[in-house]
């Protein structure tokens, strides 16, 4: 199972703070496409990625997002760039 935690304004946008995917593995792109209801054929989600910080198992990503494969047990955190202080 892959868990996704949406924080702050992302939680409000997506309508929930916790999502689970009962898969052994899936790409991070696939997760983003499902959560944001994007057309699978249009993988240009750079606008969304510009507005969020993505952390996998507590470690923020800076590159390689498009190629990342998540495994069962991974926890993804979606953090708004503007998250207060």
Protein backbone atom coordinates (compact mmCIF):
# COMPACT_ATOMS: atom_id res chain seq x y z
CA UNK A 1 0.00 0.00 0.00
CA UNK A 2 1.24 3.48 -0.92
CA UNK A 3 0.06 6.36 1.28
CA UNK A 4 -0.26 9.97 0.16
CA UNK A 5 -0.68 12.79 2.67
CA UNK A 6 -1.99 16.11 1.38
CA UNK A 7 -1.20 19.10 3.57
CA UNK A 8 -2.64 22.63 3.85
CA UNK A 9 -4.22 24.04 0.73
CA UNK A 10 -3.55 20.82 -1.18
CA UNK A 11 -5.82 18.97 1.25
CA UNK A 12 -8.57 21.51 0.55
CA UNK A 13 -8.01 21.27 -3.21
CA UNK A 14 -8.13 17.47 -3.26
CA UNK A 15 -10.88 17.18 -0.63
CA UNK A 16 -9.02 14.79 1.68
CA UNK A 17 -5.82 14.65 3.69
CA UNK A 18 -4.99 10.96 3.20
CA UNK A 19 -5.13 8.75 0.13
CA UNK A 20 -4.10 5.12 -0.15
CA UNK A 21 -3.27 3.09 -3.24
CA UNK A 22 -3.44 -0.67 -2.86
CA UNK A 23 -0.67 -1.38 -5.35
CA UNK A 24 2.73 -2.99 -5.04
CA UNK A 25 4.28 -0.21 -7.11
CA UNK A 26 3.26 2.77 -9.24
CA UNK A 27 4.94 5.84 -10.64
CA UNK A 28 4.76 9.18 -8.89
CA UNK A 29 3.40 10.61 -12.16
CA UNK A 30 0.52 8.13 -12.01
CA UNK A 31 -0.26 9.16 -8.42
CA UNK A 32 -0.33 12.86 -9.37
CA UNK A 33 -2.49 12.12 -12.42
CA UNK A 34 -5.02 10.18 -10.33
CA UNK A 35 -5.18 12.69 -7.48
CA UNK A 36 -5.56 15.71 -9.74
CA UNK A 37 -7.79 13.93 -12.30
CA UNK A 38 -5.38 14.67 -15.13
CA UNK A 39 -5.61 13.14 -18.57
CA UNK A 40 -3.18 10.22 -18.53
CA UNK A 41 -2.09 11.05 -22.09
CA UNK A 42 -1.15 14.60 -21.04
CA UNK A 43 1.77 14.16 -18.65
CA UNK A 44 2.56 17.89 -18.63
CA UNK A 45 1.78 18.64 -14.99
CA UNK A 46 4.61 21.12 -14.45
CA UNK A 47 2.12 23.74 -13.24
CA UNK A 48 1.12 21.50 -10.35
CA UNK A 49 4.72 20.59 -9.56
CA UNK A 50 5.65 24.29 -9.41
CA UNK A 51 3.17 24.79 -6.57
CA UNK A 52 4.03 21.82 -4.35
CA UNK A 53 6.94 20.19 -2.57
CA UNK A 54 6.94 16.41 -2.75
CA UNK A 55 8.55 14.32 -0.03
CA UNK A 56 8.95 10.56 -0.15
CA UNK A 57 9.36 8.90 3.24
CA UNK A 58 10.25 12.29 4.74
CA UNK A 59 12.85 13.29 2.13
CA UNK A 60 12.03 16.19 -0.20
CA UNK A 61 12.58 15.57 -3.91
CA UNK A 62 14.36 18.07 -6.10
CA UNK A 63 14.63 16.17 -9.39
CA UNK A 64 13.83 12.85 -11.03
CA UNK A 65 10.15 13.19 -10.19
CA UNK A 66 9.03 11.96 -13.60
CA UNK A 67 10.97 8.71 -13.31
CA UNK A 68 10.26 7.86 -9.68
CA UNK A 69 8.59 4.51 -8.95
CA UNK A 70 6.90 4.20 -5.57
CA UNK A 71 6.83 0.88 -3.75
CA UNK A 72 4.41 -0.56 -1.22
CA UNK A 73 5.14 1.03 2.16
CA UNK A 74 6.20 4.38 0.72
CA UNK A 75 4.60 7.53 2.10
CA UNK A 76 4.28 10.56 -0.16
CA UNK A 77 3.71 14.01 1.34
CA UNK A 78 2.33 16.79 -0.83
CA UNK A 79 3.30 20.08 0.76
CA UNK A 80 2.17 23.47 -0.57
CA UNK A 81 5.04 25.83 -1.39
CA UNK A 82 3.26 28.47 0.70
CA UNK A 83 2.71 26.59 3.95
CA UNK A 84 3.17 29.21 6.65
CA UNK A 85 5.81 29.47 9.28
